[in-house]
Amino acid sequence: MKVTDVFSWKPAKEICIEELEQVFREYFNGTYAGKYKVSMKTPDNAGKNVFDVRAELIEEGRKVAYILEDKIIIAVVGYSC
């Protein structure tokens, strides 16, 4: 698995791109035990920005995952296997 893109809606001072990548990698490998949730399905509360990013990633042949904090999408991750 290779992370190709991370789109974040959180300020970098709260969680940087590298940390978001690490959350996703650990989740993907089954070792993540932190406060964020990772979903491979598009959450029900996804807005236009999320759908736009999702469409762009899928068009580029990427798989898509979402990182949530308290049920709020904070990042979209594009990856390939």
N, C-alpha and C. Protein backbone atom coordinates (compact mmCIF):
# COMPACT_ATOMS: atom_id res chain seq x y z
N MET A 1 0.84 -1.18 0.00
CA MET A 1 0.00 0.00 0.00
C MET A 1 0.89 1.24 0.00
N LYS A 2 0.53 2.19 -0.82
CA LYS A 2 1.28 3.45 -0.92
C LYS A 2 0.29 4.61 -0.83
N VAL A 3 0.52 5.51 0.13
CA VAL A 3 -0.29 6.73 0.23
C VAL A 3 0.18 7.67 -0.87
N THR A 4 -0.76 8.14 -1.68
CA THR A 4 -0.41 9.04 -2.78
C THR A 4 -0.86 10.48 -2.54
N ASP A 5 -1.94 10.64 -1.78
CA ASP A 5 -2.50 11.97 -1.56
C ASP A 5 -3.14 12.04 -0.17
N VAL A 6 -3.03 13.21 0.45
CA VAL A 6 -3.76 13.46 1.70
C VAL A 6 -4.34 14.87 1.60
N PHE A 7 -5.65 14.96 1.72
CA PHE A 7 -6.34 16.25 1.74
C PHE A 7 -6.86 16.44 3.16
N SER A 8 -6.40 17.48 3.82
CA SER A 8 -6.74 17.67 5.23
C SER A 8 -7.54 18.96 5.43
N TRP A 9 -8.46 18.90 6.38
CA TRP A 9 -9.25 20.06 6.77
C TRP A 9 -8.90 20.51 8.19
N LYS A 10 -7.80 19.96 8.72
CA LYS A 10 -7.32 20.34 10.05
C LYS A 10 -6.07 21.19 9.89
N PRO A 11 -5.89 22.20 10.73
CA PRO A 11 -4.65 22.98 10.67
C PRO A 11 -3.43 22.10 10.98
N ALA A 12 -2.34 22.36 10.29
CA ALA A 12 -1.12 21.56 10.48
C ALA A 12 -0.61 21.58 11.92
N LYS A 13 -0.90 22.67 12.64
CA LYS A 13 -0.44 22.73 14.04
C LYS A 13 -1.22 21.73 14.92
N GLU A 14 -2.39 21.28 14.46
CA GLU A 14 -3.16 20.28 15.21
C GLU A 14 -2.77 18.86 14.81
N ILE A 15 -2.63 18.61 13.51
CA ILE A 15 -2.15 17.32 13.00
C ILE A 15 -1.63 17.55 11.58
N CYS A 16 -0.36 17.21 11.38
CA CYS A 16 0.25 17.47 10.07
C CYS A 16 -0.01 16.31 9.11
N ILE A 17 0.31 16.52 7.87
CA ILE A 17 0.08 15.53 6.82
C ILE A 17 0.81 14.22 7.14
N GLU A 18 2.02 14.31 7.63
CA GLU A 18 2.79 13.11 7.96
C GLU A 18 2.10 12.30 9.05
N GLU A 19 1.52 12.98 10.03
CA GLU A 19 0.80 12.28 11.10
C GLU A 19 -0.46 11.61 10.55
N LEU A 20 -1.16 12.28 9.65
CA LEU A 20 -2.34 11.69 9.03
C LEU A 20 -1.96 10.44 8.23
N GLU A 21 -0.85 10.52 7.50
CA GLU A 21 -0.36 9.35 6.77
C GLU A 21 -0.07 8.21 7.72
N GLN A 22 0.56 8.54 8.86
CA GLN A 22 0.91 7.52 9.85
C GLN A 22 -0.35 6.87 10.42
N VAL A 23 -1.37 7.66 10.73
CA VAL A 23 -2.65 7.12 11.21
C VAL A 23 -3.19 6.12 10.20
N PHE A 24 -3.21 6.51 8.93
CA PHE A 24 -3.75 5.63 7.91
C PHE A 24 -2.91 4.37 7.76
N ARG A 25 -1.60 4.50 7.71
CA ARG A 25 -0.72 3.33 7.57
C ARG A 25 -0.93 2.33 8.72
N GLU A 26 -0.98 2.86 9.94
CA GLU A 26 -1.18 2.00 11.09
C GLU A 26 -2.56 1.32 11.04
N TYR A 27 -3.57 2.07 10.64
CA TYR A 27 -4.91 1.48 10.50
C TYR A 27 -4.88 0.37 9.45
N PHE A 28 -4.29 0.66 8.31
CA PHE A 28 -4.24 -0.29 7.20
C PHE A 28 -3.52 -1.56 7.63
N ASN A 29 -2.48 -1.42 8.47
CA ASN A 29 -1.70 -2.56 8.95
C ASN A 29 -2.30 -3.22 10.19
N GLY A 30 -3.39 -2.64 10.72
CA GLY A 30 -4.05 -3.21 11.88
C GLY A 30 -3.41 -2.91 13.22
N THR A 31 -2.59 -1.85 13.27
CA THR A 31 -1.89 -1.52 14.51
C THR A 31 -2.32 -0.19 15.12
N TYR A 32 -3.26 0.52 14.52
CA TYR A 32 -3.64 1.84 15.02
C TYR A 32 -4.57 1.72 16.22
N ALA A 33 -4.26 2.49 17.26
CA ALA A 33 -5.08 2.48 18.47
C ALA A 33 -5.23 3.89 19.03
N GLY A 34 -5.40 4.86 18.15
CA GLY A 34 -5.49 6.25 18.58
C GLY A 34 -6.91 6.78 18.60
N LYS A 35 -7.02 8.10 18.67
CA LYS A 35 -8.33 8.74 18.81
C LYS A 35 -9.09 8.93 17.50
N TYR A 36 -8.41 8.79 16.37
CA TYR A 36 -9.06 8.98 15.08
C TYR A 36 -9.65 7.68 14.57
N LYS A 37 -10.65 7.79 13.73
CA LYS A 37 -11.26 6.62 13.11
C LYS A 37 -10.97 6.69 11.62
N VAL A 38 -10.70 5.56 11.01
CA VAL A 38 -10.48 5.49 9.58
C VAL A 38 -11.63 4.69 8.97
N SER A 39 -12.19 5.22 7.90
CA SER A 39 -13.30 4.55 7.21
C SER A 39 -12.96 4.40 5.74
N MET A 40 -13.24 3.24 5.22
CA MET A 40 -13.04 3.00 3.79
C MET A 40 -14.31 3.34 3.01
N LYS A 41 -15.41 3.53 3.72
CA LYS A 41 -16.68 3.93 3.10
C LYS A 41 -16.88 5.43 3.28
N THR A 42 -17.51 6.05 2.30
CA THR A 42 -17.79 7.48 2.39
C THR A 42 -18.81 7.72 3.51
N PRO A 43 -18.43 8.53 4.51
CA PRO A 43 -19.35 8.80 5.62
C PRO A 43 -20.61 9.54 5.15
N ASP A 44 -21.70 9.34 5.87
CA ASP A 44 -22.97 9.98 5.52
C ASP A 44 -22.91 11.50 5.56
N ASN A 45 -22.03 12.05 6.39
CA ASN A 45 -21.96 13.50 6.55
C ASN A 45 -20.97 14.17 5.59
N ALA A 46 -20.54 13.45 4.56
CA ALA A 46 -19.58 14.00 3.60
C ALA A 46 -20.21 15.16 2.83
N GLY A 47 -19.47 16.24 2.71
CA GLY A 47 -19.94 17.42 1.99
C GLY A 47 -19.38 17.48 0.58
N LYS A 48 -19.68 18.56 -0.11
CA LYS A 48 -19.27 18.74 -1.50
C LYS A 48 -17.76 18.65 -1.66
N ASN A 49 -17.00 19.28 -0.77
CA ASN A 49 -15.53 19.24 -0.87
C ASN A 49 -15.02 17.80 -0.83
N VAL A 50 -15.58 17.00 0.06
CA VAL A 50 -15.17 15.61 0.19
C VAL A 50 -15.52 14.84 -1.08
N PHE A 51 -16.72 15.03 -1.60
CA PHE A 51 -17.13 14.34 -2.82
C PHE A 51 -16.28 14.77 -4.01
N ASP A 52 -15.90 16.04 -4.07
CA ASP A 52 -15.03 16.52 -5.16
C ASP A 52 -13.66 15.85 -5.09
N VAL A 53 -13.08 15.78 -3.90
CA VAL A 53 -11.78 15.14 -3.71
C VAL A 53 -11.88 13.65 -4.04
N ARG A 54 -12.93 13.02 -3.55
CA ARG A 54 -13.15 11.59 -3.81
C ARG A 54 -13.20 11.33 -5.31
N ALA A 55 -13.97 12.14 -6.04
CA ALA A 55 -14.11 11.97 -7.49
C ALA A 55 -12.77 12.14 -8.19
N GLU A 56 -11.99 13.12 -7.76
CA GLU A 56 -10.67 13.36 -8.36
C GLU A 56 -9.75 12.16 -8.15
N LEU A 57 -9.74 11.63 -6.93
CA LEU A 57 -8.88 10.49 -6.63
C LEU A 57 -9.30 9.25 -7.41
N ILE A 58 -10.58 8.99 -7.47
CA ILE A 58 -11.08 7.82 -8.21
C ILE A 58 -10.76 7.96 -9.69
N GLU A 59 -10.91 9.17 -10.22
CA GLU A 59 -10.58 9.43 -11.63
C GLU A 59 -9.12 9.13 -11.92
N GLU A 60 -8.26 9.37 -10.93
CA GLU A 60 -6.82 9.11 -11.08
C GLU A 60 -6.46 7.66 -10.76
N GLY A 61 -7.46 6.82 -10.49
CA GLY A 61 -7.21 5.41 -10.23
C GLY A 61 -6.81 5.08 -8.81
N ARG A 62 -7.05 6.01 -7.88
CA ARG A 62 -6.69 5.79 -6.48
C ARG A 62 -7.87 5.18 -5.71
N LYS A 63 -7.54 4.51 -4.63
CA LYS A 63 -8.55 4.08 -3.66
C LYS A 63 -8.67 5.21 -2.65
N VAL A 64 -9.80 5.26 -1.94
CA VAL A 64 -10.08 6.40 -1.06
C VAL A 64 -10.43 5.92 0.35
N ALA A 65 -9.87 6.62 1.34
CA ALA A 65 -10.22 6.38 2.74
C ALA A 65 -10.43 7.73 3.41
N TYR A 66 -11.07 7.69 4.56
CA TYR A 66 -11.42 8.92 5.28
C TYR A 66 -10.93 8.81 6.72
N ILE A 67 -10.39 9.89 7.24
CA ILE A 67 -9.99 9.94 8.64
C ILE A 67 -10.97 10.88 9.34
N LEU A 68 -11.55 10.38 10.43
CA LEU A 68 -12.57 11.13 11.16
C LEU A 68 -12.14 11.37 12.60
N GLU A 69 -12.60 12.48 13.13
CA GLU A 69 -12.44 12.80 14.54
C GLU A 69 -13.84 13.15 15.06
N ASP A 70 -14.31 12.38 16.00
CA ASP A 70 -15.66 12.59 16.54
C ASP A 70 -16.71 12.65 15.42
N LYS A 71 -16.64 11.73 14.48
CA LYS A 71 -17.57 11.59 13.36
C LYS A 71 -17.47 12.70 12.32
N ILE A 72 -16.48 13.58 12.45
CA ILE A 72 -16.26 14.66 11.48
C ILE A 72 -15.07 14.30 10.61
N ILE A 73 -15.24 14.42 9.30
CA ILE A 73 -14.15 14.09 8.36
C ILE A 73 -13.09 15.18 8.49
N ILE A 74 -11.86 14.75 8.80
CA ILE A 74 -10.76 15.71 8.89
C ILE A 74 -9.76 15.54 7.76
N ALA A 75 -9.84 14.38 7.06
CA ALA A 75 -8.91 14.17 5.95
C ALA A 75 -9.44 13.09 5.02
N VAL A 76 -9.04 13.20 3.76
CA VAL A 76 -9.30 12.19 2.75
C VAL A 76 -7.94 11.70 2.29
N VAL A 77 -7.78 10.39 2.24
CA VAL A 77 -6.51 9.79 1.86
C VAL A 77 -6.69 9.05 0.54
N GLY A 78 -5.81 9.33 -0.40
CA GLY A 78 -5.76 8.58 -1.66
C GLY A 78 -4.61 7.61 -1.56
N TYR A 79 -4.84 6.36 -1.99
CA TYR A 79 -3.78 5.36 -1.90
C TYR A 79 -3.92 4.34 -3.01
N SER A 80 -2.85 3.60 -3.21
CA SER A 80 -2.84 2.50 -4.18
C SER A 80 -2.25 1.27 -3.51
N CYS A 81 -2.62 0.12 -4.02
CA CYS A 81 -2.13 -1.14 -3.43
C CYS A 81 -1.03 -1.73 -4.27
